[in-house]
Amino acid sequence: MLDSKDWNQRYLEGKTGWDIGQAAPPFTSLLQSDQRPAPGKVAVLGCGRGYDALLFAEFGFEVIGFDFAETAIESAVHLAQTHQNQAQFQQRDIFDLPGEFSNYFDYVVEHTCFCAILPPQRGEYVKVVKSILKPQGKLIGLFFTHNRPGGPPFGSTPAEIQTLFTIDFRILSFEPVTNSIPQRRGEEHLGIFQRLD
């Protein structure tokens, strides 16, 4: 498994193919639509340079972005300061969050974190998301659904994702998106999953 030093080195060397340099277009569309969730506390897991966190903060959400790559967090903090954005960022391992942030967030935002962790850890990821969400809280997830071997990014299918989450979550919506960036077209699904209690 890659550790924080490995991920940090990727940032230092510019080996960040997952970094699209902007917030994910499906999140922008969601927040500009009449389906926009009500503002609340948001955790962005594996936030990288913070583009998605900054976007949610612009729409009035109280956001904390988490990543364990120091360089990514430094970049995110700099972007927030430059744009006078209220998003906060912490260098943390997401698997350590449940103790401090139990039942804390109204929403968890997922984008390229799930596909970066080893597939055997995905069940633990689901537990983390459930633990840090308030009762009835929601996961807003943009999942990378490809079937190429190897990783990261590790592949998954829509069926695998639904199977993992239906134990602890109600699937409110889970659909392929039509406005992915060109290199991910046809390989992303946007889901809104509500924590079961």
N, C-alpha and C. Protein backbone atom coordinates (compact mmCIF):
# COMPACT_ATOMS: atom_id res chain seq x y z
N MET A 1 0.84 -1.19 0.00
CA MET A 1 0.00 0.00 0.00
C MET A 1 0.88 1.25 0.00
N LEU A 2 0.45 2.26 -0.74
CA LEU A 2 1.15 3.53 -0.75
C LEU A 2 0.90 4.26 0.57
N ASP A 3 1.96 4.85 1.13
CA ASP A 3 1.77 5.61 2.36
C ASP A 3 1.86 7.10 2.06
N SER A 4 1.80 7.92 3.11
CA SER A 4 1.77 9.37 2.90
C SER A 4 3.02 9.86 2.19
N LYS A 5 4.17 9.26 2.46
CA LYS A 5 5.41 9.68 1.79
C LYS A 5 5.34 9.38 0.29
N ASP A 6 4.78 8.22 -0.06
CA ASP A 6 4.64 7.87 -1.48
C ASP A 6 3.75 8.87 -2.22
N TRP A 7 2.59 9.17 -1.60
CA TRP A 7 1.67 10.11 -2.24
C TRP A 7 2.29 11.49 -2.31
N ASN A 8 2.96 11.91 -1.24
CA ASN A 8 3.60 13.22 -1.24
C ASN A 8 4.65 13.31 -2.35
N GLN A 9 5.40 12.22 -2.53
CA GLN A 9 6.42 12.20 -3.58
C GLN A 9 5.80 12.35 -4.96
N ARG A 10 4.64 11.76 -5.15
CA ARG A 10 3.95 11.91 -6.43
C ARG A 10 3.61 13.37 -6.71
N TYR A 11 3.15 14.07 -5.66
CA TYR A 11 2.89 15.50 -5.83
C TYR A 11 4.17 16.26 -6.15
N LEU A 12 5.23 15.97 -5.44
CA LEU A 12 6.50 16.66 -5.66
C LEU A 12 7.04 16.44 -7.07
N GLU A 13 6.82 15.24 -7.61
CA GLU A 13 7.32 14.90 -8.94
C GLU A 13 6.33 15.22 -10.06
N GLY A 14 5.16 15.72 -9.69
CA GLY A 14 4.16 16.04 -10.70
C GLY A 14 3.47 14.84 -11.30
N LYS A 15 3.53 13.70 -10.61
CA LYS A 15 2.88 12.47 -11.09
C LYS A 15 1.47 12.39 -10.51
N THR A 16 0.63 13.33 -10.93
CA THR A 16 -0.70 13.48 -10.34
C THR A 16 -1.77 13.44 -11.42
N GLY A 17 -1.85 12.32 -12.11
CA GLY A 17 -2.81 12.19 -13.20
C GLY A 17 -4.25 12.34 -12.77
N TRP A 18 -4.54 12.13 -11.50
CA TRP A 18 -5.90 12.26 -10.99
C TRP A 18 -6.29 13.73 -10.79
N ASP A 19 -5.31 14.62 -10.74
CA ASP A 19 -5.54 16.04 -10.45
C ASP A 19 -5.95 16.73 -11.74
N ILE A 20 -7.21 17.16 -11.81
CA ILE A 20 -7.71 17.76 -13.05
C ILE A 20 -7.62 19.29 -13.03
N GLY A 21 -7.08 19.85 -11.95
CA GLY A 21 -6.85 21.29 -11.90
C GLY A 21 -8.08 22.14 -11.65
N GLN A 22 -9.18 21.49 -11.30
CA GLN A 22 -10.44 22.20 -11.06
C GLN A 22 -11.37 21.26 -10.30
N ALA A 23 -12.47 21.82 -9.82
CA ALA A 23 -13.49 20.97 -9.21
C ALA A 23 -14.10 20.08 -10.29
N ALA A 24 -14.58 18.92 -9.87
CA ALA A 24 -15.20 17.98 -10.81
C ALA A 24 -16.47 18.59 -11.40
N PRO A 25 -16.61 18.63 -12.73
CA PRO A 25 -17.80 19.21 -13.34
C PRO A 25 -19.13 18.65 -12.82
N PRO A 26 -19.25 17.33 -12.53
CA PRO A 26 -20.53 16.87 -11.99
C PRO A 26 -20.89 17.50 -10.65
N PHE A 27 -19.90 17.83 -9.82
CA PHE A 27 -20.19 18.52 -8.55
C PHE A 27 -20.66 19.95 -8.83
N THR A 28 -20.02 20.61 -9.76
CA THR A 28 -20.44 21.97 -10.11
C THR A 28 -21.88 21.97 -10.60
N SER A 29 -22.22 21.02 -11.47
CA SER A 29 -23.59 20.92 -11.98
C SER A 29 -24.58 20.66 -10.86
N LEU A 30 -24.23 19.75 -9.94
CA LEU A 30 -25.13 19.45 -8.82
C LEU A 30 -25.38 20.69 -7.98
N LEU A 31 -24.33 21.42 -7.66
CA LEU A 31 -24.48 22.58 -6.78
C LEU A 31 -25.17 23.75 -7.47
N GLN A 32 -25.19 23.77 -8.78
CA GLN A 32 -25.88 24.83 -9.52
C GLN A 32 -27.32 24.45 -9.87
N SER A 33 -27.72 23.24 -9.50
CA SER A 33 -29.05 22.74 -9.88
C SER A 33 -30.06 22.93 -8.75
N ASP A 34 -31.33 22.64 -9.06
CA ASP A 34 -32.35 22.71 -8.01
C ASP A 34 -32.29 21.49 -7.09
N GLN A 35 -31.38 20.55 -7.37
CA GLN A 35 -31.16 19.39 -6.51
C GLN A 35 -30.03 19.64 -5.49
N ARG A 36 -29.53 20.86 -5.44
CA ARG A 36 -28.42 21.19 -4.55
C ARG A 36 -28.79 20.86 -3.11
N PRO A 37 -27.92 20.13 -2.40
CA PRO A 37 -28.20 19.83 -1.00
C PRO A 37 -28.12 21.10 -0.15
N ALA A 38 -28.85 21.09 0.95
CA ALA A 38 -28.82 22.22 1.87
C ALA A 38 -27.44 22.34 2.49
N PRO A 39 -26.95 23.56 2.71
CA PRO A 39 -25.62 23.71 3.32
C PRO A 39 -25.52 22.99 4.66
N GLY A 40 -24.32 22.52 4.95
CA GLY A 40 -24.03 21.82 6.20
C GLY A 40 -22.54 21.56 6.28
N LYS A 41 -22.15 20.73 7.24
CA LYS A 41 -20.74 20.40 7.42
C LYS A 41 -20.34 19.29 6.46
N VAL A 42 -19.21 19.51 5.77
CA VAL A 42 -18.76 18.60 4.72
C VAL A 42 -17.33 18.14 4.99
N ALA A 43 -17.09 16.83 4.84
CA ALA A 43 -15.74 16.28 4.80
C ALA A 43 -15.44 15.88 3.37
N VAL A 44 -14.30 16.32 2.86
CA VAL A 44 -13.84 15.88 1.54
C VAL A 44 -12.65 14.97 1.79
N LEU A 45 -12.83 13.68 1.52
CA LEU A 45 -11.80 12.68 1.81
C LEU A 45 -10.81 12.56 0.66
N GLY A 46 -9.52 12.53 1.00
CA GLY A 46 -8.50 12.49 -0.04
C GLY A 46 -8.63 13.69 -0.95
N CYS A 47 -8.68 14.87 -0.35
CA CYS A 47 -9.05 16.10 -1.07
C CYS A 47 -8.00 16.60 -2.05
N GLY A 48 -6.77 16.08 -1.97
CA GLY A 48 -5.73 16.57 -2.88
C GLY A 48 -5.51 18.06 -2.71
N ARG A 49 -5.44 18.76 -3.82
CA ARG A 49 -5.19 20.21 -3.77
C ARG A 49 -6.44 21.02 -3.42
N GLY A 50 -7.55 20.34 -3.18
CA GLY A 50 -8.70 21.00 -2.57
C GLY A 50 -9.73 21.61 -3.48
N TYR A 51 -9.70 21.31 -4.77
CA TYR A 51 -10.62 21.96 -5.69
C TYR A 51 -12.09 21.71 -5.33
N ASP A 52 -12.44 20.47 -5.02
CA ASP A 52 -13.83 20.15 -4.68
C ASP A 52 -14.22 20.78 -3.34
N ALA A 53 -13.30 20.78 -2.38
CA ALA A 53 -13.57 21.41 -1.09
C ALA A 53 -13.84 22.90 -1.26
N LEU A 54 -13.02 23.55 -2.06
CA LEU A 54 -13.20 24.98 -2.31
C LEU A 54 -14.54 25.26 -2.97
N LEU A 55 -14.94 24.40 -3.90
CA LEU A 55 -16.23 24.57 -4.57
C LEU A 55 -17.38 24.50 -3.57
N PHE A 56 -17.40 23.47 -2.74
CA PHE A 56 -18.49 23.35 -1.77
C PHE A 56 -18.51 24.53 -0.81
N ALA A 57 -17.34 25.01 -0.41
CA ALA A 57 -17.28 26.18 0.48
C ALA A 57 -17.86 27.42 -0.21
N GLU A 58 -17.63 27.56 -1.50
CA GLU A 58 -18.18 28.70 -2.25
C GLU A 58 -19.70 28.70 -2.22
N PHE A 59 -20.29 27.52 -2.09
CA PHE A 59 -21.75 27.41 -2.05
C PHE A 59 -22.30 27.40 -0.63
N GLY A 60 -21.49 27.81 0.34
CA GLY A 60 -21.98 28.01 1.70
C GLY A 60 -21.84 26.83 2.63
N PHE A 61 -21.15 25.79 2.21
CA PHE A 61 -20.93 24.64 3.09
C PHE A 61 -19.73 24.90 3.99
N GLU A 62 -19.75 24.31 5.18
CA GLU A 62 -18.63 24.39 6.12
C GLU A 62 -17.76 23.17 5.86
N VAL A 63 -16.60 23.36 5.27
CA VAL A 63 -15.84 22.27 4.67
C VAL A 63 -14.50 22.05 5.35
N ILE A 64 -14.19 20.76 5.57
CA ILE A 64 -12.83 20.36 5.95
C ILE A 64 -12.38 19.32 4.92
N GLY A 65 -11.26 19.60 4.27
CA GLY A 65 -10.66 18.64 3.35
C GLY A 65 -9.54 17.90 4.04
N PHE A 66 -9.49 16.59 3.85
CA PHE A 66 -8.48 15.74 4.48
C PHE A 66 -7.64 15.05 3.40
N ASP A 67 -6.33 15.06 3.60
CA ASP A 67 -5.43 14.31 2.73
C ASP A 67 -4.17 14.02 3.53
N PHE A 68 -3.50 12.90 3.26
CA PHE A 68 -2.29 12.66 4.02
C PHE A 68 -1.01 12.99 3.28
N ALA A 69 -1.14 13.65 2.13
CA ALA A 69 0.04 14.15 1.42
C ALA A 69 0.27 15.61 1.81
N GLU A 70 1.38 15.87 2.45
CA GLU A 70 1.68 17.22 2.95
C GLU A 70 1.66 18.27 1.85
N THR A 71 2.26 17.96 0.71
CA THR A 71 2.32 18.93 -0.39
C THR A 71 0.93 19.28 -0.90
N ALA A 72 0.05 18.29 -0.97
CA ALA A 72 -1.33 18.54 -1.42
C ALA A 72 -2.03 19.50 -0.46
N ILE A 73 -1.90 19.26 0.83
CA ILE A 73 -2.55 20.12 1.82
C ILE A 73 -1.98 21.54 1.76
N GLU A 74 -0.67 21.65 1.62
CA GLU A 74 -0.06 22.98 1.50
C GLU A 74 -0.64 23.73 0.30
N SER A 75 -0.79 23.04 -0.82
CA SER A 75 -1.37 23.65 -2.02
C SER A 75 -2.82 24.07 -1.78
N ALA A 76 -3.58 23.21 -1.11
CA ALA A 76 -4.99 23.51 -0.84
C ALA A 76 -5.13 24.73 0.06
N VAL A 77 -4.32 24.80 1.10
CA VAL A 77 -4.35 25.95 2.01
C VAL A 77 -4.00 27.23 1.25
N HIS A 78 -2.99 27.14 0.40
CA HIS A 78 -2.59 28.31 -0.39
C HIS A 78 -3.73 28.76 -1.32
N LEU A 79 -4.38 27.82 -1.98
CA LEU A 79 -5.50 28.17 -2.86
C LEU A 79 -6.63 28.82 -2.07
N ALA A 80 -6.94 28.27 -0.90
CA ALA A 80 -8.01 28.85 -0.08
C ALA A 80 -7.67 30.28 0.32
N GLN A 81 -6.44 30.50 0.72
CA GLN A 81 -6.02 31.86 1.12
C GLN A 81 -6.04 32.81 -0.07
N THR A 82 -5.55 32.35 -1.20
CA THR A 82 -5.51 33.18 -2.41
C THR A 82 -6.90 33.62 -2.84
N HIS A 83 -7.87 32.71 -2.72
CA HIS A 83 -9.24 32.99 -3.17
C HIS A 83 -10.15 33.43 -2.03
N GLN A 84 -9.58 33.69 -0.86
CA GLN A 84 -10.35 34.09 0.32
C GLN A 84 -11.53 33.15 0.55
N ASN A 85 -11.22 31.88 0.49
CA ASN A 85 -12.21 30.82 0.64
C ASN A 85 -12.13 30.27 2.06
N GLN A 86 -13.27 29.92 2.65
CA GLN A 86 -13.33 29.50 4.05
C GLN A 86 -13.06 28.01 4.28
N ALA A 87 -12.82 27.25 3.23
CA ALA A 87 -12.54 25.82 3.42
C ALA A 87 -11.30 25.63 4.29
N GLN A 88 -11.35 24.61 5.14
CA GLN A 88 -10.23 24.26 6.02
C GLN A 88 -9.62 22.96 5.52
N PHE A 89 -8.36 22.75 5.83
CA PHE A 89 -7.67 21.54 5.38
C PHE A 89 -6.80 20.98 6.49
N GLN A 90 -6.78 19.64 6.57
CA GLN A 90 -5.97 18.95 7.57
C GLN A 90 -5.22 17.80 6.92
N GLN A 91 -3.94 17.68 7.27
CA GLN A 91 -3.15 16.53 6.82
C GLN A 91 -3.45 15.38 7.75
N ARG A 92 -4.23 14.42 7.27
CA ARG A 92 -4.68 13.30 8.10
C ARG A 92 -4.83 12.05 7.25
N ASP A 93 -4.71 10.91 7.91
CA ASP A 93 -5.08 9.63 7.32
C ASP A 93 -6.58 9.48 7.55
N ILE A 94 -7.35 9.29 6.49
CA ILE A 94 -8.80 9.23 6.65
C ILE A 94 -9.24 8.10 7.57
N PHE A 95 -8.45 7.04 7.67
CA PHE A 95 -8.84 5.91 8.51
C PHE A 95 -8.71 6.24 10.00
N ASP A 96 -8.12 7.38 10.32
CA ASP A 96 -8.00 7.81 11.72
C ASP A 96 -9.07 8.83 12.11
N LEU A 97 -9.98 9.17 11.22
CA LEU A 97 -10.95 10.23 11.49
C LEU A 97 -12.08 9.85 12.44
N PRO A 98 -12.56 8.60 12.47
CA PRO A 98 -13.75 8.32 13.26
C PRO A 98 -13.68 8.71 14.74
N GLY A 99 -12.54 8.59 15.38
CA GLY A 99 -12.47 8.95 16.80
C GLY A 99 -12.81 10.40 17.05
N GLU A 100 -12.19 11.29 16.30
CA GLU A 100 -12.38 12.72 16.51
C GLU A 100 -13.65 13.27 15.87
N PHE A 101 -14.08 12.67 14.77
CA PHE A 101 -15.19 13.24 14.00
C PHE A 101 -16.42 12.33 13.96
N SER A 102 -16.61 11.52 14.98
CA SER A 102 -17.77 10.62 15.01
C SER A 102 -19.07 11.42 14.94
N ASN A 103 -19.96 11.03 14.01
CA ASN A 103 -21.28 11.65 13.85
C ASN A 103 -21.20 13.17 13.67
N TYR A 104 -20.20 13.65 12.96
CA TYR A 104 -19.91 15.08 12.91
C TYR A 104 -20.41 15.76 11.63
N PHE A 105 -20.30 15.09 10.50
CA PHE A 105 -20.56 15.75 9.22
C PHE A 105 -21.95 15.46 8.69
N ASP A 106 -22.52 16.46 8.01
CA ASP A 106 -23.79 16.27 7.29
C ASP A 106 -23.56 15.56 5.96
N TYR A 107 -22.38 15.79 5.38
CA TYR A 107 -22.05 15.21 4.08
C TYR A 107 -20.59 14.77 4.06
N VAL A 108 -20.34 13.72 3.30
CA VAL A 108 -18.97 13.34 2.92
C VAL A 108 -18.92 13.41 1.41
N VAL A 109 -17.89 14.05 0.89
CA VAL A 109 -17.70 14.14 -0.56
C VAL A 109 -16.57 13.20 -0.95
N GLU A 110 -16.86 12.35 -1.92
CA GLU A 110 -15.90 11.37 -2.43
C GLU A 110 -15.57 11.69 -3.89
N HIS A 111 -14.27 11.77 -4.17
CA HIS A 111 -13.82 11.95 -5.55
C HIS A 111 -12.35 11.54 -5.62
N THR A 112 -12.06 10.41 -6.16
CA THR A 112 -10.73 9.83 -6.36
C THR A 112 -10.04 9.37 -5.09
N CYS A 113 -10.76 9.24 -3.99
CA CYS A 113 -10.17 8.64 -2.79
C CYS A 113 -10.46 7.13 -2.78
N PHE A 114 -11.71 6.77 -3.03
CA PHE A 114 -12.12 5.37 -3.04
C PHE A 114 -11.28 4.56 -4.01
N CYS A 115 -10.98 5.11 -5.18
CA CYS A 115 -10.21 4.37 -6.19
C CYS A 115 -8.72 4.35 -5.89
N ALA A 116 -8.27 5.15 -4.92
CA ALA A 116 -6.84 5.19 -4.59
C ALA A 116 -6.45 4.20 -3.50
N ILE A 117 -7.44 3.75 -2.73
CA ILE A 117 -7.13 2.79 -1.66
C ILE A 117 -7.20 1.37 -2.21
N LEU A 118 -6.50 0.48 -1.56
CA LEU A 118 -6.50 -0.92 -2.00
C LEU A 118 -7.91 -1.50 -1.91
N PRO A 119 -8.35 -2.26 -2.90
CA PRO A 119 -9.70 -2.84 -2.85
C PRO A 119 -10.04 -3.57 -1.56
N PRO A 120 -9.11 -4.33 -0.92
CA PRO A 120 -9.48 -4.97 0.34
C PRO A 120 -9.81 -3.98 1.47
N GLN A 121 -9.42 -2.72 1.33
CA GLN A 121 -9.71 -1.71 2.35
C GLN A 121 -11.04 -1.00 2.13
N ARG A 122 -11.73 -1.33 1.08
CA ARG A 122 -12.94 -0.58 0.76
C ARG A 122 -14.04 -0.74 1.80
N GLY A 123 -14.14 -1.92 2.39
CA GLY A 123 -15.11 -2.10 3.46
C GLY A 123 -14.82 -1.19 4.64
N GLU A 124 -13.54 -1.01 4.95
CA GLU A 124 -13.14 -0.11 6.03
C GLU A 124 -13.45 1.34 5.65
N TYR A 125 -13.27 1.67 4.40
CA TYR A 125 -13.62 3.01 3.92
C TYR A 125 -15.10 3.30 4.17
N VAL A 126 -15.96 2.34 3.84
CA VAL A 126 -17.40 2.51 4.06
C VAL A 126 -17.68 2.75 5.54
N LYS A 127 -17.00 2.01 6.41
CA LYS A 127 -17.18 2.20 7.86
C LYS A 127 -16.76 3.59 8.30
N VAL A 128 -15.66 4.09 7.74
CA VAL A 128 -15.21 5.45 8.07
C VAL A 128 -16.27 6.47 7.67
N VAL A 129 -16.78 6.35 6.45
CA VAL A 129 -17.79 7.29 5.97
C VAL A 129 -19.01 7.26 6.88
N LYS A 130 -19.49 6.07 7.19
CA LYS A 130 -20.66 5.96 8.07
C LYS A 130 -20.37 6.57 9.43
N SER A 131 -19.20 6.30 9.97
CA SER A 131 -18.87 6.76 11.31
C SER A 131 -18.81 8.28 11.42
N ILE A 132 -18.28 8.95 10.41
CA ILE A 132 -18.11 10.40 10.54
C ILE A 132 -19.35 11.18 10.10
N LEU A 133 -20.30 10.51 9.45
CA LEU A 133 -21.56 11.16 9.10
C LEU A 133 -22.51 11.19 10.29
N LYS A 134 -23.29 12.25 10.38
CA LYS A 134 -24.39 12.30 11.34
C LYS A 134 -25.45 11.28 10.91
N PRO A 135 -26.32 10.87 11.82
CA PRO A 135 -27.46 10.04 11.40
C PRO A 135 -28.23 10.73 10.26
N GLN A 136 -28.55 9.98 9.25
CA GLN A 136 -29.22 10.46 8.03
C GLN A 136 -28.30 11.32 7.15
N GLY A 137 -27.02 11.41 7.49
CA GLY A 137 -26.07 12.15 6.66
C GLY A 137 -25.89 11.48 5.31
N LYS A 138 -25.32 12.22 4.37
CA LYS A 138 -25.23 11.72 2.99
C LYS A 138 -23.80 11.73 2.46
N LEU A 139 -23.49 10.68 1.73
CA LEU A 139 -22.28 10.62 0.93
C LEU A 139 -22.63 11.12 -0.47
N ILE A 140 -21.88 12.10 -0.95
CA ILE A 140 -22.00 12.57 -2.32
C ILE A 140 -20.75 12.10 -3.02
N GLY A 141 -20.88 11.05 -3.82
CA GLY A 141 -19.70 10.40 -4.36
C GLY A 141 -19.64 10.40 -5.87
N LEU A 142 -18.50 10.85 -6.39
CA LEU A 142 -18.22 10.72 -7.82
C LEU A 142 -17.22 9.59 -7.95
N PHE A 143 -17.72 8.42 -8.35
CA PHE A 143 -16.92 7.20 -8.36
C PHE A 143 -16.34 6.95 -9.75
N PHE A 144 -15.07 6.57 -9.77
CA PHE A 144 -14.34 6.24 -10.99
C PHE A 144 -14.62 4.77 -11.28
N THR A 145 -15.43 4.49 -12.30
CA THR A 145 -15.86 3.11 -12.59
C THR A 145 -15.23 2.65 -13.90
N HIS A 146 -14.02 2.13 -13.79
CA HIS A 146 -13.34 1.57 -14.95
C HIS A 146 -12.95 0.13 -14.62
N ASN A 147 -12.57 -0.63 -15.63
CA ASN A 147 -12.23 -2.04 -15.41
C ASN A 147 -10.81 -2.37 -15.83
N ARG A 148 -9.95 -1.37 -15.87
CA ARG A 148 -8.55 -1.63 -16.21
C ARG A 148 -7.84 -2.31 -15.05
N PRO A 149 -6.90 -3.20 -15.34
CA PRO A 149 -6.18 -3.87 -14.25
C PRO A 149 -5.20 -2.92 -13.57
N GLY A 150 -4.79 -3.32 -12.38
CA GLY A 150 -3.79 -2.55 -11.64
C GLY A 150 -4.37 -1.30 -11.02
N GLY A 151 -3.48 -0.49 -10.53
CA GLY A 151 -3.87 0.76 -9.90
C GLY A 151 -2.82 1.19 -8.90
N PRO A 152 -3.00 2.29 -8.26
CA PRO A 152 -4.16 3.18 -8.39
C PRO A 152 -4.14 3.97 -9.70
N PRO A 153 -5.32 4.35 -10.20
CA PRO A 153 -6.64 4.13 -9.62
C PRO A 153 -7.11 2.69 -9.83
N PHE A 154 -7.62 2.10 -8.76
CA PHE A 154 -8.12 0.74 -8.82
C PHE A 154 -9.55 0.75 -9.36
N GLY A 155 -9.83 -0.17 -10.24
CA GLY A 155 -11.14 -0.22 -10.87
C GLY A 155 -12.23 -0.73 -9.95
N SER A 156 -13.45 -0.44 -10.34
CA SER A 156 -14.62 -0.98 -9.66
C SER A 156 -15.80 -0.85 -10.61
N THR A 157 -16.83 -1.62 -10.34
CA THR A 157 -18.04 -1.54 -11.15
C THR A 157 -19.14 -0.88 -10.33
N PRO A 158 -20.14 -0.33 -11.00
CA PRO A 158 -21.27 0.23 -10.26
C PRO A 158 -21.90 -0.80 -9.32
N ALA A 159 -22.00 -2.05 -9.77
CA ALA A 159 -22.60 -3.09 -8.91
C ALA A 159 -21.77 -3.33 -7.66
N GLU A 160 -20.44 -3.35 -7.80
CA GLU A 160 -19.57 -3.54 -6.63
C GLU A 160 -19.74 -2.41 -5.63
N ILE A 161 -19.82 -1.19 -6.13
CA ILE A 161 -19.97 -0.03 -5.25
C ILE A 161 -21.29 -0.11 -4.50
N GLN A 162 -22.37 -0.41 -5.22
CA GLN A 162 -23.67 -0.50 -4.56
C GLN A 162 -23.70 -1.61 -3.52
N THR A 163 -23.09 -2.74 -3.84
CA THR A 163 -23.06 -3.85 -2.89
C THR A 163 -22.33 -3.46 -1.61
N LEU A 164 -21.21 -2.77 -1.75
CA LEU A 164 -20.45 -2.34 -0.57
C LEU A 164 -21.23 -1.38 0.31
N PHE A 165 -21.95 -0.46 -0.30
CA PHE A 165 -22.59 0.59 0.47
C PHE A 165 -23.99 0.25 0.97
N THR A 166 -24.69 -0.70 0.33
CA THR A 166 -26.09 -0.95 0.73
C THR A 166 -26.22 -1.54 2.13
N ILE A 167 -25.16 -2.03 2.70
CA ILE A 167 -25.24 -2.55 4.07
C ILE A 167 -25.54 -1.42 5.05
N ASP A 168 -24.91 -0.27 4.84
CA ASP A 168 -25.01 0.84 5.79
C ASP A 168 -25.67 2.09 5.22
N PHE A 169 -26.04 2.06 3.94
CA PHE A 169 -26.56 3.26 3.29
C PHE A 169 -27.77 2.94 2.42
N ARG A 170 -28.65 3.92 2.30
CA ARG A 170 -29.75 3.86 1.33
C ARG A 170 -29.26 4.55 0.06
N ILE A 171 -29.39 3.89 -1.06
CA ILE A 171 -28.96 4.46 -2.34
C ILE A 171 -30.08 5.39 -2.82
N LEU A 172 -29.88 6.69 -2.71
CA LEU A 172 -30.88 7.65 -3.16
C LEU A 172 -30.79 7.87 -4.66
N SER A 173 -29.59 7.89 -5.18
CA SER A 173 -29.37 7.99 -6.62
C SER A 173 -27.98 7.47 -6.93
N PHE A 174 -27.81 6.92 -8.11
CA PHE A 174 -26.50 6.41 -8.54
C PHE A 174 -26.57 6.24 -10.05
N GLU A 175 -26.02 7.22 -10.76
CA GLU A 175 -26.18 7.27 -12.22
C GLU A 175 -24.87 7.61 -12.90
N PRO A 176 -24.68 7.12 -14.14
CA PRO A 176 -23.53 7.58 -14.92
C PRO A 176 -23.66 9.08 -15.18
N VAL A 177 -22.54 9.77 -15.21
CA VAL A 177 -22.59 11.20 -15.46
C VAL A 177 -22.29 11.48 -16.93
N THR A 178 -22.78 12.61 -17.40
CA THR A 178 -22.62 12.95 -18.82
C THR A 178 -21.65 14.11 -19.03
N ASN A 179 -21.16 14.70 -17.94
CA ASN A 179 -20.27 15.86 -18.09
C ASN A 179 -18.92 15.65 -17.41
N SER A 180 -18.41 14.43 -17.50
CA SER A 180 -17.06 14.16 -17.00
C SER A 180 -16.04 14.89 -17.86
N ILE A 181 -14.83 15.04 -17.32
CA ILE A 181 -13.74 15.54 -18.16
C ILE A 181 -13.50 14.51 -19.27
N PRO A 182 -12.97 14.92 -20.43
CA PRO A 182 -12.87 14.00 -21.57
C PRO A 182 -12.17 12.67 -21.26
N GLN A 183 -11.08 12.69 -20.50
CA GLN A 183 -10.35 11.44 -20.26
C GLN A 183 -11.08 10.48 -19.31
N ARG A 184 -12.17 10.91 -18.70
CA ARG A 184 -12.95 10.01 -17.82
C ARG A 184 -14.36 9.78 -18.35
N ARG A 185 -14.64 10.25 -19.53
CA ARG A 185 -15.98 10.12 -20.09
C ARG A 185 -16.40 8.66 -20.14
N GLY A 186 -17.58 8.38 -19.63
CA GLY A 186 -18.10 7.02 -19.61
C GLY A 186 -17.56 6.17 -18.48
N GLU A 187 -16.77 6.76 -17.58
CA GLU A 187 -16.15 5.99 -16.49
C GLU A 187 -16.43 6.59 -15.12
N GLU A 188 -17.49 7.38 -15.00
CA GLU A 188 -17.82 7.97 -13.70
C GLU A 188 -19.31 7.82 -13.41
N HIS A 189 -19.60 7.56 -12.14
CA HIS A 189 -20.97 7.51 -11.64
C HIS A 189 -21.09 8.46 -10.45
N LEU A 190 -22.17 9.22 -10.41
CA LEU A 190 -22.43 10.10 -9.29
C LEU A 190 -23.51 9.47 -8.42
N GLY A 191 -23.18 9.30 -7.15
CA GLY A 191 -24.13 8.69 -6.22
C GLY A 191 -24.39 9.57 -5.02
N ILE A 192 -25.62 9.52 -4.53
CA ILE A 192 -25.96 10.13 -3.25
C ILE A 192 -26.52 9.01 -2.38
N PHE A 193 -25.79 8.69 -1.33
CA PHE A 193 -26.11 7.58 -0.44
C PHE A 193 -26.37 8.15 0.96
N GLN A 194 -27.48 7.72 1.57
CA GLN A 194 -27.84 8.23 2.90
C GLN A 194 -27.57 7.19 3.97
N ARG A 195 -26.92 7.62 5.02
CA ARG A 195 -26.60 6.72 6.12
C ARG A 195 -27.86 6.14 6.74
N LEU A 196 -27.87 4.84 6.93
CA LEU A 196 -28.96 4.16 7.63
C LEU A 196 -28.66 4.15 9.12
N ASP A 197 -29.70 4.20 9.93
CA ASP A 197 -29.50 4.17 11.38
C ASP A 197 -30.36 3.10 12.02
